[in-house]
Protein backbone atom coordinates (compact mmCIF):
# COMPACT_ATOMS: atom_id res chain seq x y z
CA MET A 1 36.86 50.55 116.22
CA ARG A 2 40.56 50.88 118.26
CA LEU A 3 38.90 53.36 120.85
CA VAL A 4 36.67 50.26 121.46
CA ALA A 5 39.44 47.97 121.92
CA LEU A 6 41.62 50.15 124.21
CA LEU A 7 38.52 50.52 126.66
CA PHE A 8 38.86 46.86 127.11
CA ILE A 9 42.65 47.05 127.10
CA CYS A 10 42.37 49.63 130.07
CA ILE A 11 40.34 47.17 132.38
CA THR A 12 43.59 46.78 133.58
CA ALA A 13 47.13 47.79 134.22
CA SER A 14 50.03 48.19 137.09
CA SER A 15 52.67 49.21 135.36
CA ALA A 16 55.52 51.43 136.93
CA LEU A 17 58.52 53.34 135.80
CA ALA A 18 61.80 51.91 136.76
CA ALA A 19 64.42 52.77 138.92
CA GLN A 20 67.68 50.34 139.34
CA PRO A 21 68.42 49.86 143.18
CA THR A 22 72.30 49.27 143.73
CA THR A 23 73.08 47.86 147.00
CA ALA A 24 76.65 48.15 148.76
CA PRO A 25 78.04 45.03 151.22
CA VAL A 26 77.38 46.11 154.91
CA GLU A 27 79.22 45.08 157.95
CA THR A 28 78.18 45.89 161.72
CA VAL A 29 81.66 45.66 164.28
CA LEU A 30 81.83 46.37 167.60
CA ASN A 31 85.30 47.61 169.05
CA LEU A 32 85.03 45.17 171.99
CA SER A 33 85.23 41.41 171.98
CA ALA A 34 82.73 41.68 175.04
CA LEU A 35 80.66 44.97 176.83
CA PRO A 36 81.13 45.30 180.43
CA GLN A 37 78.50 46.58 182.60
CA GLY A 38 78.51 50.38 182.73
CA LYS A 39 80.98 51.15 180.07
CA GLU A 40 81.60 52.80 176.99
CA ALA A 41 82.02 51.10 173.91
CA LYS A 42 81.94 51.92 169.94
CA LEU A 43 79.88 50.69 166.91
CA ALA A 44 81.06 50.91 163.38
CA VAL A 45 79.01 50.31 160.56
CA VAL A 46 81.14 49.65 157.69
CA VAL A 47 79.73 49.87 153.82
CA ASP A 48 81.79 49.41 150.82
CA VAL A 49 80.71 51.78 148.02
CA PRO A 50 81.35 49.92 145.03
CA GLU A 51 83.64 51.08 142.41
CA GLY A 52 82.14 53.59 139.62
CA LEU A 53 79.26 54.73 142.13
CA HIS A 54 78.83 57.17 144.82
CA ALA A 55 76.36 57.40 147.88
CA GLN A 56 74.76 60.45 149.11
CA SER A 57 76.84 61.83 151.77
CA ALA A 58 74.56 62.33 155.61
CA THR A 59 74.82 66.22 154.53
CA PRO A 60 73.46 65.62 150.66
CA SER A 61 73.83 68.81 148.70
CA GLN A 62 70.49 69.49 148.24
CA PRO A 63 67.26 69.06 151.47
CA ASN A 64 65.46 66.62 149.10
CA TYR A 65 67.87 64.15 148.79
CA ILE A 66 67.75 61.27 150.27
CA PRO A 67 70.69 61.15 153.20
CA PHE A 68 72.83 58.28 154.58
CA LYS A 69 72.09 57.66 157.83
CA VAL A 70 72.01 55.01 160.70
CA THR A 71 69.76 54.29 163.29
CA MET A 72 69.79 52.39 165.75
CA GLU A 73 66.52 50.55 168.06
CA PRO A 74 65.96 51.19 171.23
CA SER A 75 67.99 48.76 173.23
CA ALA A 76 67.22 47.23 177.19
CA ALA A 77 70.68 46.78 177.80
CA VAL A 78 72.70 50.35 176.00
CA GLU A 79 72.14 53.59 175.23
CA PHE A 80 73.18 54.85 171.79
CA SER A 81 74.74 58.40 171.09
CA PRO A 82 74.09 60.07 167.52
CA PRO A 83 75.97 58.44 164.86
CA ILE A 84 79.34 60.33 164.01
CA TYR A 85 79.35 60.64 160.00
CA PRO A 86 82.29 60.98 158.06
CA ARG A 87 82.54 64.20 156.47
CA GLY A 88 81.35 63.88 152.42
CA GLU A 89 83.26 65.45 149.09
CA ASP A 90 82.06 68.07 147.62
CA LYS A 91 82.12 66.37 143.08
CA ASN A 92 80.30 68.17 140.23
CA TYR A 93 78.50 66.03 137.73
CA PRO A 94 77.78 67.10 134.27
CA GLN A 95 74.33 65.26 134.59
CA LEU A 96 73.47 65.61 138.27
CA GLY A 97 74.83 68.80 139.34
CA ALA A 98 76.68 69.38 142.49
CA LEU A 99 76.60 66.50 145.19
CA ASN A 100 78.13 65.66 148.45
CA VAL A 101 78.99 61.79 148.21
CA TYR A 102 80.67 58.80 149.73
CA THR A 103 83.23 57.03 147.85
CA GLY A 104 84.84 53.53 148.70
CA ARG A 105 84.61 52.87 152.45
CA VAL A 106 82.45 54.50 154.42
CA VAL A 107 82.85 53.92 158.52
CA VAL A 108 79.99 55.46 160.43
CA ILE A 109 80.95 55.70 164.27
CA VAL A 110 77.68 54.93 166.93
CA PRO A 111 79.27 55.36 170.39
CA LEU A 112 77.27 53.27 173.13
CA LYS A 113 77.42 53.31 176.96
CA VAL A 114 76.45 50.08 178.81
CA LYS A 115 74.05 50.31 181.10
CA ALA A 116 74.94 49.31 184.84
CA ASP A 117 72.29 46.88 185.64
CA ALA A 118 72.26 45.52 181.91
CA PRO A 119 71.54 41.44 182.50
CA LEU A 120 74.64 39.27 181.75
CA GLY A 121 74.51 37.12 178.76
CA ASP A 122 73.95 37.30 174.69
CA VAL A 123 72.77 40.59 173.35
CA LYS A 124 71.82 41.24 170.50
CA LEU A 125 72.07 45.30 169.15
CA GLU A 126 69.87 46.05 165.76
CA GLY A 127 68.91 49.21 163.70
CA LYS A 128 68.69 49.85 160.07
CA LEU A 129 70.90 51.80 157.65
CA GLN A 130 69.78 54.04 154.87
CA TYR A 131 71.62 55.34 151.86
CA GLN A 132 71.35 55.88 148.00
CA MET A 133 73.57 55.38 145.24
CA CYS A 134 74.15 57.06 142.22
CA ASP A 135 76.48 56.56 139.23
CA ASP A 136 77.37 60.01 136.92
CA ARG A 137 74.43 59.78 135.40
CA SER A 138 71.50 59.21 137.69
CA CYS A 139 70.45 58.18 141.11
CA TYR A 140 68.98 55.15 142.40
CA ALA A 141 65.90 54.05 144.44
CA PRO A 142 67.56 54.25 147.78
CA GLN A 143 67.97 51.31 150.45
CA ARG A 144 67.35 50.59 153.72
CA PRO A 145 68.90 46.86 154.94
CA LYS A 146 68.55 45.75 158.87
CA ILE A 147 71.93 45.72 160.67
CA ALA A 148 72.62 43.69 163.78
CA VAL A 149 75.48 42.55 165.47
CA GLU A 150 75.50 40.36 168.24
CA THR A 151 77.76 40.34 171.44
CA LYS A 152 77.77 39.48 175.32
CA ILE A 153 77.02 41.98 178.41
CA VAL A 154 79.97 41.25 180.88
CA ALA A 155 80.71 41.99 184.35
CA ALA A 156 81.96 45.67 184.80
CA ASP A 157 85.64 44.05 185.69
CA ALA A 158 85.56 41.52 183.32
CA PRO A 159 88.45 42.12 180.34
CA ALA A 160 87.19 42.54 177.01
CA GLN A 161 89.50 42.65 173.91
CA PRO A 162 89.64 45.34 171.58
CA ASN A 163 88.48 44.40 167.77
CA ARG A 164 89.23 45.36 164.36
CA ALA A 165 91.41 48.70 166.08
CA GLU A 166 91.58 50.00 162.34
CA LEU A 167 87.91 50.78 161.56
CA PHE A 168 87.69 53.29 164.71
CA SER A 169 91.04 54.83 163.95
CA ALA A 170 89.20 57.41 161.76
CA GLU A 171 87.19 58.46 164.44
CA ALA A 172 89.15 61.24 165.04
CA SER A 173 89.57 62.41 161.63
CA PRO A 174 88.16 66.24 161.09
CA ARG A 175 85.98 64.92 158.40
CA ALA A 176 83.66 63.43 160.61
CA THR A 177 80.49 65.00 161.78
CA THR A 178 76.86 64.46 163.54
CA GLN A 179 75.22 65.99 161.37
CA SER A 180 72.27 64.60 159.50
CA SER A 181 69.23 64.83 157.70
CA THR A 182 65.76 63.37 157.00
CA ALA A 183 65.35 64.64 153.70
CA VAL A 184 63.66 62.93 150.66
CA ALA A 185 64.96 61.75 146.97
CA PRO A 186 65.04 62.99 143.75
CA ALA A 187 63.58 61.90 141.24
CA LYS A 188 65.61 59.51 137.87
CA LYS A 189 67.16 62.12 135.98
CA GLN A 190 64.99 65.56 137.42
CA ASP A 191 63.84 66.46 140.51
CA TRP A 192 59.93 66.22 141.48
CA THR A 193 58.96 68.88 144.09
CA ILE A 194 55.91 68.04 146.58
CA TRP A 195 53.39 70.00 144.74
CA THR A 196 54.46 68.48 140.91
CA ALA A 197 53.86 65.20 142.91
CA PHE A 198 50.49 66.00 144.50
CA GLY A 199 49.49 67.21 141.27
CA ALA A 200 49.99 64.43 139.20
CA ALA A 201 48.61 62.36 141.51
CA LEU A 202 45.39 64.20 141.72
CA LEU A 203 45.34 64.10 137.68
CA ALA A 204 45.54 60.25 137.69
CA GLY A 205 43.07 59.63 140.34
CA LEU A 206 40.67 61.97 137.57
CA ALA A 207 41.97 59.78 134.89
CA PHE A 208 40.24 56.62 136.47
CA ASN A 209 36.80 57.64 136.61
CA ILE A 210 36.75 57.16 132.42
CA MET A 211 38.23 53.17 132.88
CA PRO A 212 35.78 50.72 131.58
CA CYS A 213 35.26 48.94 135.26
CA VAL A 214 34.80 52.41 136.59
CA LEU A 215 32.80 54.12 133.52
CA PRO A 216 29.24 52.79 134.68
CA VAL A 217 29.17 53.77 138.37
CA LEU A 218 29.34 57.30 137.52
CA PRO A 219 26.34 58.26 135.61
CA LEU A 220 24.96 56.26 138.19
CA LYS A 221 25.76 57.47 140.99
CA ALA A 222 24.93 60.76 139.57
CA ALA A 223 21.28 59.96 139.29
CA ALA A 224 21.22 58.44 142.85
CA PHE A 225 22.60 62.17 144.25
CA HIS A 226 19.91 63.86 142.58
CA ARG A 227 17.21 61.50 143.60
CA ALA A 228 18.51 62.13 147.46
CA ALA A 229 18.88 65.64 146.75
CA GLU A 230 15.24 65.96 145.47
CA HIS A 231 14.25 65.61 149.64
CA HIS A 232 17.74 67.23 151.19
CA ARG A 233 20.48 68.57 149.68
CA SER A 234 22.13 67.83 152.92
CA ARG A 235 21.25 64.16 152.31
CA SER A 236 22.91 64.30 148.83
CA ILE A 237 26.42 65.82 149.70
CA ALA A 238 26.82 63.10 152.64
CA LEU A 239 26.37 60.11 150.14
CA GLY A 240 28.94 61.92 148.15
CA LEU A 241 31.25 62.88 151.20
CA SER A 242 30.70 58.96 152.47
CA PHE A 243 31.30 57.13 149.11
CA SER A 244 34.19 59.37 148.57
CA ALA A 245 35.66 58.20 152.24
CA GLY A 246 35.44 54.98 150.57
CA ILE A 247 37.51 55.68 147.80
CA VAL A 248 40.45 57.12 149.59
CA GLY A 249 40.14 54.95 152.18
CA VAL A 250 41.32 51.72 149.87
CA PHE A 251 44.38 54.30 148.49
CA ALA A 252 45.23 54.83 152.44
CA ILE A 253 45.15 51.23 152.84
CA LEU A 254 47.34 50.58 149.73
CA ALA A 255 49.57 53.04 150.27
CA VAL A 256 50.65 51.72 153.67
CA LEU A 257 51.21 48.62 152.72
CA VAL A 258 52.71 49.58 149.40
CA LEU A 259 55.01 52.28 150.66
CA VAL A 260 55.16 52.12 153.92
CA LEU A 261 55.21 48.01 155.44
CA ARG A 262 56.30 47.19 151.66
CA VAL A 263 54.11 43.87 151.76
CA VAL A 264 52.85 44.45 149.01
CA SER A 265 53.45 45.89 145.46
CA TRP A 266 51.36 47.25 143.12
CA GLY A 267 48.81 45.07 141.70
CA SER A 268 50.10 42.09 143.15
CA LEU A 269 46.71 41.04 144.43
CA PHE A 270 45.52 40.50 141.09
CA SER A 271 47.99 37.26 140.97
CA ASN A 272 46.01 36.30 144.30
CA PRO A 273 43.29 33.72 142.84
CA ILE A 274 41.40 33.99 145.99
CA PHE A 275 41.50 37.83 145.87
CA VAL A 276 40.39 37.50 141.77
CA TRP A 277 37.54 35.21 141.89
CA SER A 278 35.97 37.37 144.65
CA LEU A 279 36.11 40.32 142.23
CA VAL A 280 35.12 38.10 139.52
CA VAL A 281 31.65 37.37 141.61
CA LEU A 282 31.06 40.58 142.87
CA LEU A 283 31.55 42.35 139.08
CA VAL A 284 28.65 39.70 137.77
CA LEU A 285 26.33 40.44 140.42
CA CYS A 286 26.71 44.03 139.70
CA ALA A 287 26.24 43.42 136.44
CA LEU A 288 23.06 40.84 136.82
CA GLY A 289 21.89 43.71 139.27
CA MET A 290 22.16 46.68 136.47
CA PHE A 291 20.19 43.92 134.05
CA GLY A 292 17.64 44.00 136.99
CA ALA A 293 17.52 40.05 137.30
CA ILE A 294 18.47 40.43 141.24
CA ASN A 295 18.49 43.08 143.56
CA VAL A 296 22.05 42.65 145.30
CA THR A 297 22.31 43.19 149.30
CA LEU A 298 24.84 41.94 151.87
CA PRO A 299 24.34 41.58 155.57
CA ASN A 300 23.15 44.82 157.53
CA ALA A 301 26.83 44.92 158.79
CA LEU A 302 28.12 45.27 155.38
CA TYR A 303 25.20 47.45 154.13
CA SER A 304 25.16 47.02 150.11
CA VAL A 305 26.89 47.21 147.35
CA ASP A 306 24.10 48.14 145.49
CA PRO A 307 24.37 51.62 143.71
CA ARG A 308 20.66 52.24 144.29
CA GLN A 309 21.13 52.05 148.08
CA ASP A 310 20.74 55.42 149.95
CA THR A 311 22.48 54.82 152.76
CA LEU A 312 25.60 56.16 154.07
CA GLY A 313 27.38 52.82 154.89
CA GLY A 314 26.49 51.20 151.36
CA ASN A 315 28.38 54.13 149.63
CA VAL A 316 31.12 53.73 151.87
CA VAL A 317 31.35 50.17 150.87
CA PHE A 318 30.44 50.79 147.02
CA GLY A 319 33.40 53.59 147.18
CA ALA A 320 35.55 50.95 148.07
CA PHE A 321 34.83 48.83 145.54
CA THR A 322 34.78 51.08 143.02
CA ALA A 323 38.13 52.55 143.95
CA ILE A 324 39.59 48.61 143.54
CA LEU A 325 38.39 48.39 140.63
CA ALA A 326 40.14 51.31 139.42
CA THR A 327 43.62 50.11 141.45
CA PRO A 328 44.96 47.63 138.10
CA CYS A 329 44.28 50.67 135.80
CA THR A 330 47.38 52.73 136.57
CA ALA A 331 48.99 53.38 133.35
CA PRO A 332 50.62 56.13 132.81
CA LEU A 333 49.74 58.71 135.11
CA LEU A 334 50.58 56.34 138.09
CA PRO A 335 53.96 55.08 137.47
CA PRO A 336 55.97 57.86 137.92
CA LEU A 337 54.67 58.79 141.13
CA LEU A 338 55.06 55.24 142.46
CA ILE A 339 58.85 55.62 141.77
CA TRP A 340 58.74 59.18 143.59
CA ALA A 341 56.56 57.51 146.47
CA SER A 342 58.77 55.00 147.65
CA ALA A 343 61.90 57.04 147.52
CA GLN A 344 59.98 59.43 150.20
CA PRO A 345 59.19 59.21 154.18
CA GLY A 346 56.06 57.79 154.91
CA ILE A 347 54.16 61.40 155.87
CA ILE A 348 55.22 62.51 152.21
CA GLY A 349 54.22 59.49 150.43
CA VAL A 350 51.38 58.19 151.98
CA PRO A 351 49.41 61.92 151.54
CA ALA A 352 50.63 62.02 147.81
CA MET A 353 48.83 58.54 147.47
CA LEU A 354 45.98 59.60 149.21
CA MET A 355 45.73 62.62 146.31
CA VAL A 356 45.04 59.86 143.83
CA GLY A 357 42.18 58.75 145.70
CA ILE A 358 41.07 62.45 146.08
CA GLY A 359 41.49 62.89 142.43
CA MET A 360 38.72 59.75 142.27
CA ALA A 361 36.37 60.84 144.71
CA LEU A 362 36.26 64.99 142.94
CA PRO A 363 33.68 64.15 140.70
CA TYR A 364 31.28 62.62 142.92
CA LEU A 365 31.40 65.08 145.33
CA ILE A 366 31.01 67.39 142.64
CA LEU A 367 27.74 65.79 141.96
CA SER A 368 26.38 65.47 145.02
CA ALA A 369 27.07 69.07 146.04
CA PHE A 370 25.65 70.24 142.56
CA PRO A 371 22.80 67.48 141.56
CA GLU A 372 21.20 69.44 139.30
CA ALA A 373 24.25 68.14 136.62
CA ALA A 374 22.56 64.66 136.93
CA LYS A 375 19.54 65.86 134.69
CA LYS A 376 21.12 65.36 131.62
CA PHE A 377 20.91 62.02 132.54
CA PRO A 378 18.01 59.81 131.99
CA ARG A 379 16.21 58.73 134.94
CA THR A 380 13.56 56.36 134.06
CA GLY A 381 11.91 54.69 131.05
CA PRO A 382 13.11 52.38 128.36
CA TRP A 383 16.00 54.32 127.30
CA SER A 384 17.66 54.43 130.39
CA GLU A 385 17.52 50.94 131.24
CA LEU A 386 19.34 50.19 127.95
CA PHE A 387 22.09 52.32 128.58
CA LYS A 388 22.45 50.87 132.18
CA GLN A 389 22.02 46.97 130.77
CA MET A 390 24.91 48.10 128.14
CA MET A 391 26.66 49.18 131.74
CA GLY A 392 26.14 46.22 132.96
CA PHE A 393 28.08 44.22 129.54
CA LEU A 394 30.78 45.82 130.29
CA LEU A 395 30.94 45.23 133.83
CA LEU A 396 30.74 41.41 132.71
CA ALA A 397 33.45 41.86 129.73
CA ALA A 398 35.79 43.09 132.95
CA ALA A 399 34.71 39.81 134.83
CA THR A 400 35.38 38.10 131.73
CA PHE A 401 38.68 39.40 131.48
CA PHE A 402 39.72 38.66 134.68
CA ALA A 403 38.43 35.18 134.68
CA ALA A 404 39.39 34.12 131.22
CA GLY A 405 42.74 35.65 132.32
CA ARG A 406 42.95 33.25 134.97
CA LEU A 407 41.66 30.02 133.19
CA ILE A 408 43.56 30.08 129.54
CA HIS A 409 47.21 30.41 129.58
CA GLY A 410 48.39 33.14 126.15
CA PRO A 411 46.05 35.82 124.47
CA GLU A 412 43.78 33.26 123.45
CA PHE A 413 41.73 34.31 126.58
CA TRP A 414 40.77 37.55 124.20
CA TRP A 415 38.13 35.28 122.59
CA ALA A 416 36.12 34.93 126.03
CA ILE A 417 35.72 38.61 125.65
CA VAL A 418 34.49 38.29 122.22
CA ALA A 419 31.52 36.62 123.10
CA VAL A 420 30.84 38.30 125.96
CA VAL A 421 30.93 41.68 123.39
CA ALA A 422 29.52 39.88 120.62
CA VAL A 423 26.02 39.48 122.78
CA ALA A 424 26.10 42.61 123.63
CA SER A 425 26.08 44.40 120.45
CA PHE A 426 23.12 42.01 119.24
CA TYR A 427 21.55 42.80 122.09
CA LEU A 428 21.84 46.50 121.89
CA ILE A 429 20.06 46.36 118.21
CA ALA A 430 17.48 44.02 118.95
CA ARG A 431 16.57 46.18 122.26
CA THR A 432 16.46 49.38 120.11
CA VAL A 433 14.50 47.87 116.85
CA GLN A 434 11.68 46.66 120.21
CA LEU A 435 12.04 50.34 121.14
CA THR A 436 11.30 52.36 118.43
CA PRO A 437 10.12 51.85 114.92
CA ASN A 438 12.33 55.20 113.52
CA ALA A 439 15.32 54.14 111.59
CA ARG A 440 17.62 56.94 113.01
CA PRO A 441 17.78 55.10 116.15
CA VAL A 442 18.29 51.74 114.68
CA ALA A 443 21.20 53.05 112.39
CA ILE A 444 23.04 54.81 115.89
CA SER A 445 22.85 51.98 117.66
CA ALA A 446 24.03 49.74 114.86
CA ALA A 447 26.70 51.37 113.54
CA LEU A 448 27.66 51.23 117.94
CA ALA A 449 27.54 47.62 117.83
CA VAL A 450 29.32 47.51 114.54
CA ALA A 451 31.99 49.54 115.62
CA MET A 452 32.23 47.29 119.21
CA LEU A 453 31.94 43.62 117.97
CA GLY A 454 34.53 45.09 115.11
CA GLY A 455 37.10 46.22 117.64
CA THR A 456 37.07 44.03 119.87
CA LEU A 457 37.54 41.56 116.76
CA TRP A 458 40.50 43.25 115.22
CA TRP A 459 41.98 43.71 118.50
CA THR A 460 41.99 39.88 119.38
CA ALA A 461 42.93 38.38 115.96
CA ARG A 462 45.72 41.18 115.87
CA ILE A 463 47.59 39.97 120.03
CA THR A 464 46.21 36.14 118.93
CA GLY A 465 48.36 36.54 115.54
CA LEU A 466 45.28 35.52 113.88
CA GLY A 467 46.22 35.96 110.11
CA MET A 468 50.16 35.48 110.72
CA GLY A 469 49.95 31.68 109.75
CA GLY A 470 53.07 30.37 110.92
CA GLY A 471 54.37 33.41 112.26
CA ALA A 472 52.46 33.62 115.51
CA ALA A 473 53.64 29.95 116.41
CA ASN A 474 57.67 31.47 115.94
CA VAL A 475 56.86 34.46 118.25
CA ASP A 476 55.42 32.50 120.62
CA SER A 477 58.25 29.59 120.56
CA SER A 478 60.80 32.67 120.68
CA TRP A 479 60.08 33.33 124.37
CA GLN A 480 61.82 31.32 126.95
CA ASP A 481 60.75 31.00 130.51
CA TYR A 482 62.69 33.22 133.05
CA SER A 483 65.17 31.41 135.29
CA ASP A 484 68.03 32.64 137.83
CA VAL A 485 70.31 30.09 136.66
CA GLN A 486 69.60 30.90 132.94
CA PHE A 487 69.32 34.25 133.20
CA LYS A 488 73.10 34.19 135.39
CA SER A 489 74.75 32.06 132.71
CA LEU A 490 73.59 34.86 129.86
CA ARG A 491 75.03 37.81 131.95
CA ASP A 492 78.10 35.76 132.81
CA ALA A 493 78.90 34.78 128.92
CA ASN A 494 78.23 38.26 128.49
CA LYS A 495 75.14 37.88 126.11
CA PRO A 496 72.44 40.06 125.48
CA VAL A 497 68.95 39.53 127.28
CA LEU A 498 65.59 40.85 127.19
CA VAL A 499 63.56 40.18 130.24
CA LYS A 500 59.50 40.69 129.91
CA PHE A 501 57.28 41.11 133.29
CA THR A 502 54.08 40.36 131.76
CA ALA A 503 50.68 38.85 133.13
CA ASN A 504 47.29 38.66 131.60
CA TRP A 505 45.31 40.29 134.34
CA CYS A 506 47.74 43.56 133.49
CA GLY A 507 46.03 45.11 130.20
CA THR A 508 49.10 47.57 129.70
CA CYS A 509 50.77 44.37 129.37
CA GLN A 510 48.27 42.75 126.59
CA ALA A 511 48.50 46.29 124.62
CA ILE A 512 52.45 45.78 124.14
CA GLU A 513 51.93 42.31 123.60
CA GLY A 514 49.87 43.54 120.45
CA ALA A 515 51.45 46.24 119.23
CA VAL A 516 55.06 45.50 120.12
CA TYR A 517 55.77 41.63 120.10
CA ARG A 518 53.48 40.76 117.15
CA ASP A 519 55.36 43.08 115.76
CA PRO A 520 57.80 41.39 112.90
CA GLN A 521 60.55 44.34 112.97
CA VAL A 522 60.87 43.82 116.13
CA TRP A 523 61.88 40.08 116.14
CA THR A 524 64.11 40.80 113.53
CA ALA A 525 65.89 42.89 115.24
CA LEU A 526 65.77 40.58 118.10
CA LYS A 527 67.36 37.77 116.07
CA GLN A 528 69.76 40.09 114.12
CA HIS A 529 71.07 41.24 117.74
CA ASP A 530 71.51 37.08 118.96
CA VAL A 531 69.09 38.31 122.07
CA THR A 532 67.99 35.85 124.22
CA ALA A 533 64.02 37.29 124.96
CA LEU A 534 62.76 35.86 128.69
CA LYS A 535 59.55 36.01 129.93
CA VAL A 536 58.36 36.12 133.67
CA ASP A 537 55.03 36.04 133.98
CA PHE A 538 52.35 36.88 137.02
CA SER A 539 48.72 35.71 135.85
CA ASP A 540 49.13 33.16 138.03
CA SER A 541 51.56 33.84 141.14
CA ASN A 542 52.83 37.24 142.33
CA ASP A 543 56.12 34.55 143.24
CA ALA A 544 56.80 33.62 140.11
CA ALA A 545 60.96 33.24 139.41
CA GLY A 546 61.96 36.87 138.68
CA LYS A 547 60.30 38.55 141.06
CA ASP A 548 62.81 39.80 142.92
CA LEU A 549 64.55 41.04 139.55
CA LEU A 550 61.53 43.09 138.89
CA LEU A 551 62.13 44.82 143.22
CA ALA A 552 65.68 45.30 142.11
CA LEU A 553 64.37 46.75 138.85
CA ASN A 554 61.56 48.80 140.33
CA PRO A 555 60.81 48.41 144.28
CA ALA A 556 57.00 48.94 143.56
CA GLY A 557 56.68 46.29 141.63
CA GLY A 558 54.54 47.29 138.97
CA ILE A 559 54.33 45.56 135.24
CA PRO A 560 54.57 46.12 131.92
CA LEU A 561 58.21 46.63 132.40
CA THR A 562 61.11 45.35 129.81
CA ALA A 563 64.54 44.95 130.75
CA ILE A 564 67.22 44.53 128.07
CA TYR A 565 70.61 44.14 129.12
CA GLY A 566 73.53 44.42 126.00
CA PRO A 567 77.28 43.08 126.29
CA GLY A 568 79.46 44.96 128.60
CA MET A 569 76.82 46.61 130.29
CA LYS A 570 76.30 46.41 134.19
CA ASP A 571 73.00 48.23 134.12
CA PRO A 572 70.16 47.81 131.70
CA ILE A 573 67.94 49.65 129.54
CA VAL A 574 64.56 49.48 131.06
CA LEU A 575 61.16 49.99 129.67
CA ALA A 576 58.39 50.61 131.61
CA SER A 577 54.54 51.21 131.20
CA TYR A 578 53.63 51.72 127.69
CA TYR A 579 55.95 51.80 125.09
CA ASN A 580 56.09 50.89 121.29
CA SER A 581 57.86 49.16 118.54
CA SER A 582 60.58 51.98 118.32
CA ASP A 583 61.52 52.37 121.49
CA LEU A 584 62.39 48.85 121.67
CA LEU A 585 64.25 49.30 118.47
CA ALA A 586 65.99 52.34 119.57
CA ALA A 587 67.00 50.50 123.15
CA LEU A 588 68.02 47.60 120.89
CA GLN A 589 70.54 49.92 118.95
CA GLN A 590 71.82 51.24 122.18
CA ILE A 591 72.99 47.90 123.24
CA ALA A 592 74.73 47.29 119.72
CA PRO A 593 74.82 50.67 118.17
CA THR A 594 77.42 48.92 114.96
CA THR A 595 75.17 47.64 112.66
CA PRO A 596 74.49 43.72 113.70
CA THR A 597 75.53 40.62 111.88
CA GLN A 598 72.83 38.79 110.58
CA THR A 599 72.41 36.05 112.37
CA ALA A 600 70.27 31.98 112.82
CA ALA A 601 66.92 32.73 114.26
CA ARG A 602 66.92 30.73 117.09
């Protein structure tokens, strides 16, 4: 029964392992009060590394570590020379190894020359800084803030006063170097090679094909390829390639938006009501098509989303639709890849994410090239229709998951899914009785129906607290809505705080709700350690209070994620993707390793 419940849990999930970024104050200064035409000047980028931290230098110890780097934007008024970096210090850290690092104040000098014909007046010089902070145990996500300084272009003979001379005197130091690199960052606590990341991406893509939203597609496309191959095998391969192009195309777009432009966090689309309701409509239409109620077609320009259509364009569209259904089902293989890819240049991170699409498309390519494998799938007759109809119920359950999650706050939306599964279970038994008088098929269908409905009922009762009596209400009331003011107040008072990032549309979040936060031991421990439990809910909006904190903890923006801040701890203990009660209890012991004092329940 748990297997069936977990299938519904995996309808959607967007998660990522956490990487705690650390920022530093940045200042951009010119050595002159104004820039005379045709004259040389210097620009200083000043970074103050916080005490207890260090930054990877401009010449890091390994070629795959992110270097300290200043990049100036081209300007019509001035010409920039290569930046001059200070030399790093060689240090050895027990958990990080030998590193070449910067500590304290870091001053990078950018020589420049004002063009003789530069227009007089105000000018703004802009660029970008890249750096990566580490403590003595781990390296955090790289930062890439913009830098800018405003000044004036004046005539060549106009006076210009010296400015902040102390910053520029260090340029002659033997520590200065113009060497830099364009390397990539180490993964948290261990280095991922490119081949490791690509292999994990391929495996994650393959795994997406067993998710409930995607599962009905595989047998249907297999049958479609077989039909096409009965006429021309080359036609079957062409359909497989076009379907695969649709899948890979979606992951390419998401990779650019998330990893390069960084305008979308992974899974954030599912907080957008327009996107979610459009997806619900498509799922319902596809489900009705599997029931034989309608034949779904779009305008000719878009072809059709019906998997039975043997058109190249239709397969591209349906491949894209299939990939969209898979994107929230990212736990647990995709999160570490996302963290790794977010720290890479786009030329490496984007291809790594494309491998996810290639992995997902691979079974369809194989089926299109060897359509004989589809012979094992029933293609005609009442039993194949019943199979297709049950796949339709599965898609209808997915549509209900997204729709009810938008309409009903809290875990009670699972009862709507129970209703769909109940109808599917009774239909399976009734239709089997109609198709055969034999007892064995009826018994098998009845067993499947009991497993489906029983498993879904068990899960829904657990996650909603049914049978817990007053305990369920106490658990729900123990959560407080997150606010920046309250969070800061608790941290300033050195109080232990737990912040949970969740959403109704996130299937892994729902699994954690039932498996962890309905566990009485967890709440007993939270109260013993006097922990304030704050909840950030992205069910209705991707801009909920706490989003900035999430992005600070995890640049990819994935959930579920729980951060536990202990007294005197600068950085939180982070639990990401799927975790269990034991993991949370162990984390609570880390913030207060001594025997806790029993405190009154909140």
